[in-house]
C-alpha atoms as a PDB file:
ATOM      1  CA  MET A   1       2.050  -0.404  24.915  1.00  0.00           C
ATOM      2  CA  ASP A   2       4.259  -2.994  23.241  1.00  0.00           C
ATOM      3  CA  PRO A   3       7.383  -1.066  21.999  1.00  0.00           C
ATOM      4  CA  ILE A   4       7.699  -2.956  18.724  1.00  0.00           C
ATOM      5  CA  LEU A   5       4.603  -4.227  16.770  1.00  0.00           C
ATOM      6  CA  VAL A   6       4.963  -7.016  14.158  1.00  0.00           C
ATOM      7  CA  GLU A   7       2.308  -7.594  11.593  1.00  0.00           C
ATOM      8  CA  ARG A   8       1.997 -10.093   8.879  1.00  0.00           C
ATOM      9  CA  ALA A   9      -0.203  -9.960   5.679  1.00  0.00           C
ATOM     10  CA  GLY A  10       0.286 -11.465   2.186  1.00  0.00           C
ATOM     11  CA  GLY A  11       3.991 -12.305   2.828  1.00  0.00           C
ATOM     12  CA  VAL A  12       4.896  -8.687   4.080  1.00  0.00           C
ATOM     13  CA  VAL A  13       6.082  -8.347   7.644  1.00  0.00           C
ATOM     14  CA  THR A  14       5.547  -4.759   8.902  1.00  0.00           C
ATOM     15  CA  VAL A  15       7.817  -4.046  12.006  1.00  0.00           C
ATOM     16  CA  THR A  16       6.609  -0.816  13.697  1.00  0.00           C
ATOM     17  CA  LEU A  17       8.700   0.976  16.395  1.00  0.00           C
ATOM     18  CA  ASN A  18       5.759   2.003  18.719  1.00  0.00           C
ATOM     19  CA  ARG A  19       6.935   4.690  21.004  1.00  0.00           C
ATOM     20  CA  PRO A  20       5.443   7.827  19.340  1.00  0.00           C
ATOM     21  CA  GLU A  21       5.686   9.935  22.541  1.00  0.00           C
ATOM     22  CA  ARG A  22       9.490   9.517  22.290  1.00  0.00           C
ATOM     23  CA  LEU A  23       9.603   9.858  18.486  1.00  0.00           C
ATOM     24  CA  ASN A  24      10.182   6.047  18.497  1.00  0.00           C
ATOM     25  CA  ALA A  25      13.360   6.250  20.223  1.00  0.00           C
ATOM     26  CA  ILE A  26      14.906   2.763  20.810  1.00  0.00           C
ATOM     27  CA  THR A  27      15.541   1.528  24.464  1.00  0.00           C
ATOM     28  CA  ASN A  28      18.156  -0.777  25.607  1.00  0.00           C
ATOM     29  CA  GLU A  29      15.738  -3.621  25.771  1.00  0.00           C
ATOM     30  CA  MET A  30      14.593  -3.086  22.161  1.00  0.00           C
ATOM     31  CA  TRP A  31      17.828  -3.780  20.318  1.00  0.00           C
ATOM     32  CA  PRO A  32      17.847  -7.493  21.146  1.00  0.00           C
ATOM     33  CA  GLN A  33      14.110  -7.734  20.313  1.00  0.00           C
ATOM     34  CA  LEU A  34      14.990  -6.235  16.887  1.00  0.00           C
ATOM     35  CA  ALA A  35      17.618  -8.629  16.311  1.00  0.00           C
ATOM     36  CA  ASP A  36      15.481 -11.670  17.300  1.00  0.00           C
ATOM     37  CA  ILE A  37      12.658 -10.293  14.966  1.00  0.00           C
ATOM     38  CA  PHE A  38      14.808  -9.861  11.967  1.00  0.00           C
ATOM     39  CA  ALA A  39      16.338 -13.232  12.539  1.00  0.00           C
ATOM     40  CA  GLU A  40      13.142 -14.852  12.604  1.00  0.00           C
ATOM     41  CA  VAL A  41      11.921 -13.107   9.378  1.00  0.00           C
ATOM     42  CA  ALA A  42      14.970 -14.594   7.837  1.00  0.00           C
ATOM     43  CA  THR A  43      14.060 -18.044   8.638  1.00  0.00           C
ATOM     44  CA  ARG A  44      10.240 -18.071   7.716  1.00  0.00           C
ATOM     45  CA  ALA A  45       9.560 -19.041   4.132  1.00  0.00           C
ATOM     46  CA  GLU A  46       6.161 -17.462   4.223  1.00  0.00           C
ATOM     47  CA  ASP A  47       7.751 -13.922   5.093  1.00  0.00           C
ATOM     48  CA  ARG A  48       8.688 -12.295   1.554  1.00  0.00           C
ATOM     49  CA  VAL A  49       9.307  -8.835   2.457  1.00  0.00           C
ATOM     50  CA  LEU A  50      10.148  -6.704   5.406  1.00  0.00           C
ATOM     51  CA  VAL A  51       8.993  -3.271   6.102  1.00  0.00           C
ATOM     52  CA  VAL A  52      10.375  -1.043   8.987  1.00  0.00           C
ATOM     53  CA  THR A  53       8.478   1.817  10.098  1.00  0.00           C
ATOM     54  CA  GLY A  54       7.640   4.160  13.101  1.00  0.00           C
ATOM     55  CA  ALA A  55       4.309   4.930  14.693  1.00  0.00           C
ATOM     56  CA  GLY A  56       2.903   8.545  14.859  1.00  0.00           C
ATOM     57  CA  GLU A  57       4.822  11.462  13.326  1.00  0.00           C
ATOM     58  CA  ALA A  58       8.460  10.021  13.375  1.00  0.00           C
ATOM     59  CA  PHE A  59      10.353   7.027  12.017  1.00  0.00           C
ATOM     60  CA  CYS A  60      12.899   6.757  14.856  1.00  0.00           C
ATOM     61  CA  SER A  61      14.921   9.388  16.645  1.00  0.00           C
ATOM     62  CA  GLY A  62      17.800   6.996  17.279  1.00  0.00           C
ATOM     63  CA  ALA A  63      18.747   5.444  20.612  1.00  0.00           C
ATOM     64  CA  ASP A  64      16.858   6.584  23.751  1.00  0.00           C
ATOM     65  CA  ILE A  65      19.537   8.281  25.688  1.00  0.00           C
ATOM     66  CA  SER A  66      17.189   9.499  28.412  1.00  0.00           C
ATOM     67  CA  GLY A  67      17.825   6.703  30.811  1.00  0.00           C
ATOM     68  CA  GLU A  68      14.596   4.907  30.184  1.00  0.00           C
ATOM     69  CA  GLY A  69      14.623   1.137  29.932  1.00  0.00           C
ATOM     70  CA  PRO A  70      16.770  -1.201  31.911  1.00  0.00           C
ATOM     71  CA  ALA A  71      20.496  -1.054  31.546  1.00  0.00           C
ATOM     72  CA  THR A  72      22.001  -4.265  29.767  1.00  0.00           C
ATOM     73  CA  GLY A  73      25.492  -4.156  31.460  1.00  0.00           C
ATOM     74  CA  PRO A  74      28.739  -2.378  30.539  1.00  0.00           C
ATOM     75  CA  PRO A  75      28.618  -0.101  27.493  1.00  0.00           C
ATOM     76  CA  LEU A  76      30.679  -2.232  25.240  1.00  0.00           C
ATOM     77  CA  LEU A  77      28.133  -5.108  25.811  1.00  0.00           C
ATOM     78  CA  HIS A  78      25.260  -2.828  25.193  1.00  0.00           C
ATOM     79  CA  MET A  79      26.918  -1.598  21.901  1.00  0.00           C
ATOM     80  CA  ARG A  80      27.401  -5.136  20.797  1.00  0.00           C
ATOM     81  CA  GLU A  81      23.709  -5.731  21.178  1.00  0.00           C
ATOM     82  CA  VAL A  82      23.112  -2.677  19.094  1.00  0.00           C
ATOM     83  CA  GLY A  83      25.544  -4.306  16.391  1.00  0.00           C
ATOM     84  CA  ASN A  84      23.810  -7.606  16.640  1.00  0.00           C
ATOM     85  CA  ALA A  85      20.507  -5.820  15.612  1.00  0.00           C
ATOM     86  CA  ALA A  86      22.298  -4.116  12.680  1.00  0.00           C
ATOM     87  CA  LEU A  87      24.010  -7.357  11.436  1.00  0.00           C
ATOM     88  CA  ALA A  88      20.666  -9.120  11.693  1.00  0.00           C
ATOM     89  CA  LEU A  89      19.098  -6.511   9.420  1.00  0.00           C
ATOM     90  CA  HIS A  90      21.954  -6.517   7.103  1.00  0.00           C
ATOM     91  CA  ARG A  91      22.027 -10.243   6.788  1.00  0.00           C
ATOM     92  CA  LEU A  92      18.365 -10.672   6.059  1.00  0.00           C
ATOM     93  CA  PRO A  93      18.159 -12.636   2.956  1.00  0.00           C
ATOM     94  CA  LYS A  94      14.960 -10.960   1.845  1.00  0.00           C
ATOM     95  CA  PRO A  95      14.070  -7.367   0.603  1.00  0.00           C
ATOM     96  CA  SER A  96      13.529  -4.842   3.155  1.00  0.00           C
ATOM     97  CA  ILE A  97      11.876  -1.432   2.835  1.00  0.00           C
ATOM     98  CA  ALA A  98      12.101   1.500   5.300  1.00  0.00           C
ATOM     99  CA  ARG A  99       8.899   3.546   5.263  1.00  0.00           C
ATOM    100  CA  VAL A 100       9.972   6.862   6.614  1.00  0.00           C
ATOM    101  CA  ASP A 101       7.627   9.604   7.815  1.00  0.00           C
ATOM    102  CA  GLY A 102       9.019  12.369  10.143  1.00  0.00           C
ATOM    103  CA  VAL A 103      12.462  12.320  11.696  1.00  0.00           C
ATOM    104  CA  ALA A 104      14.982   9.601  11.126  1.00  0.00           C
ATOM    105  CA  THR A 105      18.015  10.559  13.163  1.00  0.00           C
ATOM    106  CA  GLY A 106      21.143   8.799  14.616  1.00  0.00           C
ATOM    107  CA  ALA A 107      20.672   5.061  14.751  1.00  0.00           C
ATOM    108  CA  GLY A 108      17.166   5.680  13.475  1.00  0.00           C
ATOM    109  CA  LEU A 109      18.665   6.958  10.212  1.00  0.00           C
ATOM    110  CA  ASN A 110      20.965   4.027   9.966  1.00  0.00           C
ATOM    111  CA  LEU A 111      18.270   1.566  10.665  1.00  0.00           C
ATOM    112  CA  ALA A 112      16.624   2.967   7.557  1.00  0.00           C
ATOM    113  CA  LEU A 113      19.799   2.969   5.461  1.00  0.00           C
ATOM    114  CA  GLY A 114      20.350  -0.733   6.602  1.00  0.00           C
ATOM    115  CA  CYS A 115      17.259  -1.551   4.531  1.00  0.00           C
ATOM    116  CA  ASP A 116      17.608  -2.243   0.909  1.00  0.00           C
ATOM    117  CA  LEU A 117      15.087   0.629  -0.201  1.00  0.00           C
ATOM    118  CA  ILE A 118      13.837   3.787   1.374  1.00  0.00           C
ATOM    119  CA  VAL A 119      10.593   5.461   0.748  1.00  0.00           C
ATOM    120  CA  ALA A 120      10.322   8.704   2.534  1.00  0.00           C
ATOM    121  CA  SER A 121       7.464  11.267   2.788  1.00  0.00           C
ATOM    122  CA  ASP A 122       8.231  14.878   1.888  1.00  0.00           C
ATOM    123  CA  ARG A 123       8.071  15.939   5.530  1.00  0.00           C
ATOM    124  CA  SER A 124      10.593  13.704   6.485  1.00  0.00           C
ATOM    125  CA  ARG A 125      13.940  14.806   8.119  1.00  0.00           C
ATOM    126  CA  PHE A 126      17.422  13.040   8.284  1.00  0.00           C
ATOM    127  CA  SER A 127      20.397  13.432  10.401  1.00  0.00           C
ATOM    128  CA  GLU A 128      23.533  11.763  11.597  1.00  0.00           C
ATOM    129  CA  ILE A 129      22.875  13.521  14.807  1.00  0.00           C
ATOM    130  CA  PHE A 130      25.490  11.729  16.920  1.00  0.00           C
ATOM    131  CA  ALA A 131      28.097  14.553  17.199  1.00  0.00           C
ATOM    132  CA  ARG A 132      25.388  16.798  18.816  1.00  0.00           C
ATOM    133  CA  ARG A 133      25.121  14.268  21.505  1.00  0.00           C
ATOM    134  CA  GLY A 134      28.890  13.813  22.132  1.00  0.00           C
ATOM    135  CA  LEU A 135      28.674  10.345  20.280  1.00  0.00           C
ATOM    136  CA  SER A 136      30.225   8.664  17.318  1.00  0.00           C
ATOM    137  CA  VAL A 137      28.405   7.156  14.573  1.00  0.00           C
ATOM    138  CA  ASP A 138      26.824   3.639  15.272  1.00  0.00           C
ATOM    139  CA  PHE A 139      24.441   1.123  13.916  1.00  0.00           C
ATOM    140  CA  GLY A 140      26.588   0.432  10.815  1.00  0.00           C
ATOM    141  CA  GLY A 141      26.644   4.123   9.695  1.00  0.00           C
ATOM    142  CA  SER A 142      30.468   3.971   9.196  1.00  0.00           C
ATOM    143  CA  TRP A 143      30.200   1.099   6.899  1.00  0.00           C
ATOM    144  CA  LEU A 144      26.907   2.198   5.173  1.00  0.00           C
ATOM    145  CA  LEU A 145      27.473   5.793   4.529  1.00  0.00           C
ATOM    146  CA  PRO A 146      30.722   5.586   2.428  1.00  0.00           C
ATOM    147  CA  ARG A 147      29.202   2.921   0.267  1.00  0.00           C
ATOM    148  CA  LEU A 148      26.032   5.017  -0.173  1.00  0.00           C
ATOM    149  CA  VAL A 149      27.345   8.589  -0.781  1.00  0.00           C
ATOM    150  CA  GLY A 150      31.007   8.272  -0.819  1.00  0.00           C
ATOM    151  CA  MET A 151      33.738   9.072   1.836  1.00  0.00           C
ATOM    152  CA  HIS A 152      33.687  12.822   1.668  1.00  0.00           C
ATOM    153  CA  ARG A 153      29.835  13.077   1.872  1.00  0.00           C
ATOM    154  CA  ALA A 154      29.765  10.546   4.611  1.00  0.00           C
ATOM    155  CA  LYS A 155      32.209  12.634   6.642  1.00  0.00           C
ATOM    156  CA  GLU A 156      30.253  15.623   6.009  1.00  0.00           C
ATOM    157  CA  LEU A 157      27.123  14.011   7.339  1.00  0.00           C
ATOM    158  CA  VAL A 158      28.697  12.492  10.415  1.00  0.00           C
ATOM    159  CA  LEU A 159      30.997  15.305  11.412  1.00  0.00           C
ATOM    160  CA  LEU A 160      28.848  18.286  10.851  1.00  0.00           C
ATOM    161  CA  ALA A 161      25.609  16.437  11.933  1.00  0.00           C
ATOM    162  CA  GLU A 162      23.402  18.695   9.869  1.00  0.00           C
ATOM    163  CA  ILE A 163      19.585  18.059   9.567  1.00  0.00           C
ATOM    164  CA  LEU A 164      18.496  17.243   5.815  1.00  0.00           C
ATOM    165  CA  SER A 165      15.230  17.806   4.349  1.00  0.00           C
ATOM    166  CA  ALA A 166      13.682  14.836   2.508  1.00  0.00           C
ATOM    167  CA  GLU A 167      14.586  16.552  -0.933  1.00  0.00           C
ATOM    168  CA  GLU A 168      18.205  17.064   0.342  1.00  0.00           C
ATOM    169  CA  ALA A 169      18.529  13.313   1.299  1.00  0.00           C
ATOM    170  CA  MET A 170      17.156  12.307  -2.034  1.00  0.00           C
ATOM    171  CA  ALA A 171      19.634  14.503  -4.015  1.00  0.00           C
ATOM    172  CA  MET A 172      22.486  12.964  -1.826  1.00  0.00           C
ATOM    173  CA  GLY A 173      21.401   9.435  -2.717  1.00  0.00           C
ATOM    174  CA  LEU A 174      20.366   8.371   0.863  1.00  0.00           C
ATOM    175  CA  VAL A 175      16.655   7.586  -0.081  1.00  0.00           C
ATOM    176  CA  ASN A 176      15.178   6.043  -3.175  1.00  0.00           C
ATOM    177  CA  ARG A 177      11.971   7.981  -3.359  1.00  0.00           C
ATOM    178  CA  VAL A 178      10.352  10.974  -1.792  1.00  0.00           C
ATOM    179  CA  VAL A 179       6.544  11.186  -2.028  1.00  0.00           C
ATOM    180  CA  PRO A 180       3.787  13.357  -0.581  1.00  0.00           C
ATOM    181  CA  ALA A 181       2.841  12.053   2.838  1.00  0.00           C
ATOM    182  CA  GLU A 182      -0.484  11.178   1.709  1.00  0.00           C
ATOM    183  CA  SER A 183       0.837   8.879  -0.903  1.00  0.00           C
ATOM    184  CA  LEU A 184       3.361   7.200   1.209  1.00  0.00           C
ATOM    185  CA  ASP A 185       1.438   4.124   2.185  1.00  0.00           C
ATOM    186  CA  ALA A 186       0.260   3.468  -1.428  1.00  0.00           C
ATOM    187  CA  VAL A 187       3.756   3.498  -2.795  1.00  0.00           C
ATOM    188  CA  VAL A 188       5.084   1.267  -0.064  1.00  0.00           C
ATOM    189  CA  ALA A 189       2.297  -0.988  -0.777  1.00  0.00           C
ATOM    190  CA  GLU A 190       2.920  -1.100  -4.420  1.00  0.00           C
ATOM    191  CA  TRP A 191       6.652  -2.006  -3.888  1.00  0.00           C
ATOM    192  CA  THR A 192       6.014  -4.671  -1.222  1.00  0.00           C
ATOM    193  CA  ALA A 193       3.399  -6.064  -3.521  1.00  0.00           C
ATOM    194  CA  ARG A 194       5.956  -6.389  -6.477  1.00  0.00           C
ATOM    195  CA  LEU A 195       8.731  -7.820  -4.216  1.00  0.00           C
ATOM    196  CA  SER A 196       6.528 -10.204  -2.501  1.00  0.00           C
ATOM    197  CA  GLU A 197       5.321 -11.607  -5.950  1.00  0.00           C
ATOM    198  CA  GLY A 198       8.807 -11.747  -7.118  1.00  0.00           C
ATOM    199  CA  PRO A 199      11.122 -15.020  -7.283  1.00  0.00           C
ATOM    200  CA  PRO A 200      12.372 -15.239  -3.499  1.00  0.00           C
ATOM    201  CA  LEU A 201      15.495 -17.240  -4.209  1.00  0.00           C
ATOM    202  CA  ALA A 202      16.497 -15.133  -7.073  1.00  0.00           C
ATOM    203  CA  LEU A 203      15.988 -11.893  -5.206  1.00  0.00           C
ATOM    204  CA  SER A 204      17.815 -13.232  -2.121  1.00  0.00           C
ATOM    205  CA  MET A 205      20.872 -14.209  -4.094  1.00  0.00           C
ATOM    206  CA  SER A 206      20.848 -10.894  -6.026  1.00  0.00           C
ATOM    207  CA  LYS A 207      20.795  -9.008  -2.765  1.00  0.00           C
ATOM    208  CA  LEU A 208      23.667 -11.093  -1.417  1.00  0.00           C
ATOM    209  CA  LEU A 209      25.704 -10.562  -4.634  1.00  0.00           C
ATOM    210  CA  LEU A 210      25.159  -6.797  -4.479  1.00  0.00           C
ATOM    211  CA  ASN A 211      26.001  -6.531  -0.714  1.00  0.00           C
ATOM    212  CA  LYS A 212      29.283  -8.186  -1.376  1.00  0.00           C
ATOM    213  CA  SER A 213      30.179  -6.288  -4.549  1.00  0.00           C
ATOM    214  CA  LEU A 214      32.484  -3.822  -2.969  1.00  0.00           C
ATOM    215  CA  GLU A 215      34.489  -6.429  -1.061  1.00  0.00           C
ATOM    216  CA  THR A 216      35.138  -8.694  -4.146  1.00  0.00           C
ATOM    217  CA  SER A 217      37.040  -8.654  -7.432  1.00  0.00           C
ATOM    218  CA  MET A 218      35.395  -8.816 -10.911  1.00  0.00           C
ATOM    219  CA  ASP A 219      36.543 -12.318 -11.181  1.00  0.00           C
ATOM    220  CA  GLN A 220      35.076 -13.250  -7.724  1.00  0.00           C
ATOM    221  CA  ALA A 221      31.760 -11.522  -8.658  1.00  0.00           C
ATOM    222  CA  LEU A 222      31.448 -13.180 -11.919  1.00  0.00           C
ATOM    223  CA  GLU A 223      32.072 -16.587 -10.398  1.00  0.00           C
ATOM    224  CA  ALA A 224      29.464 -15.719  -7.560  1.00  0.00           C
ATOM    225  CA  GLU A 225      26.966 -14.730 -10.355  1.00  0.00           C
ATOM    226  CA  ALA A 226      27.573 -18.073 -12.295  1.00  0.00           C
ATOM    227  CA  GLN A 227      26.912 -20.052  -9.133  1.00  0.00           C
ATOM    228  CA  ALA A 228      23.890 -18.244  -8.255  1.00  0.00           C
ATOM    229  CA  GLN A 229      22.441 -18.358 -11.735  1.00  0.00           C
ATOM    230  CA  ALA A 230      22.980 -22.047 -11.855  1.00  0.00           C
ATOM    231  CA  VAL A 231      21.049 -22.476  -8.998  1.00  0.00           C
ATOM    232  CA  ASN A 232      18.016 -20.425 -10.476  1.00  0.00           C
ATOM    233  CA  LEU A 233      18.230 -22.468 -13.729  1.00  0.00           C
ATOM    234  CA  ALA A 234      17.997 -25.643 -11.932  1.00  0.00           C
ATOM    235  CA  GLY A 235      15.043 -24.537  -9.951  1.00  0.00           C
ATOM    236  CA  ALA A 236      11.316 -24.414 -10.464  1.00  0.00           C
ATOM    237  CA  ASP A 237      11.006 -20.530 -10.559  1.00  0.00           C
ATOM    238  CA  VAL A 238      12.721 -20.151 -13.949  1.00  0.00           C
ATOM    239  CA  ARG A 239      10.401 -22.779 -15.346  1.00  0.00           C
ATOM    240  CA  GLU A 240       7.456 -21.008 -13.894  1.00  0.00           C
ATOM    241  CA  ALA A 241       8.473 -17.630 -15.337  1.00  0.00           C
ATOM    242  CA  LEU A 242       8.893 -19.230 -18.918  1.00  0.00           C
ATOM    243  CA  ALA A 243       5.446 -20.840 -18.746  1.00  0.00           C
ATOM    244  CA  ALA A 244       3.790 -17.711 -17.444  1.00  0.00           C
ATOM    245  CA  PHE A 245       5.294 -15.784 -20.354  1.00  0.00           C
ATOM    246  CA  VAL A 246       4.098 -18.233 -22.855  1.00  0.00           C
ATOM    247  CA  GLU A 247       0.546 -18.388 -21.256  1.00  0.00           C
ATOM    248  CA  LYS A 248       0.554 -14.646 -20.918  1.00  0.00           C
ATOM    249  CA  ARG A 249      -0.195 -14.791 -17.154  1.00  0.00           C
ATOM    250  CA  THR A 250       1.561 -13.544 -13.975  1.00  0.00           C
ATOM    251  CA  PRO A 251       4.109 -15.952 -12.611  1.00  0.00           C
ATOM    252  CA  VAL A 252       3.514 -17.691  -9.262  1.00  0.00           C
ATOM    253  CA  PHE A 253       6.753 -18.150  -7.659  1.00  0.00           C
ATOM    254  CA  ALA A 254       7.389 -20.736  -4.898  1.00  0.00           C
ATOM    255  CA  GLY A 255      11.054 -19.824  -3.900  1.00  0.00           C
ATOM    256  CA  HIS A 256      12.722 -23.041  -5.245  1.00  0.00           C
END
């Protein structure tokens, strides 16, 4: 079986980790594949939204530390490949959704957190499980967690490595929505439809502004907003939005 499946439909790219027998644990060879997939989605104008999910009864149990899969060289070089995949996801200039059903632990949890939005089923479980394996946090968790839940909560999650229910993860601010398992696909489909029909350039710039917000001053943020809005106002999508409003129809955005 191909360990990573990529499907495209209506501007939505669905990337499925496809090792259900291993709870979709990621092997050494899969990290550069993920980086390449995310980089490809970034460059394809027809790809509007990314969905990351897992096959079977899990999202992703993290890195496969069982020894399966070919080694990629010294540990530091291997970890840089892991980091490259995290960066490719973080730099993706398009909206991304993690569709989480079942366990999301270790790098698997941080893969989900690296997406812009997370929709989880009520049977999902989450853990920064690294400490239980004698490891420190990776796949961007040290950067993502303090920004999502604050420093003390981040330390609690990483140092204690507790397993959270979907409801606990929701209360902590780790996920956007928890839904019954039977409603998961419908909610994800609704969100992807709304995002894929949105203005691609404006959504991309808004995402970038938010990603940089904690690293900039108010002055810098306002100037970046002004520059982004100037690009929007000079483009066709704003004119299309205004025309659609006047004509009482749904706008069709081209991304320029």
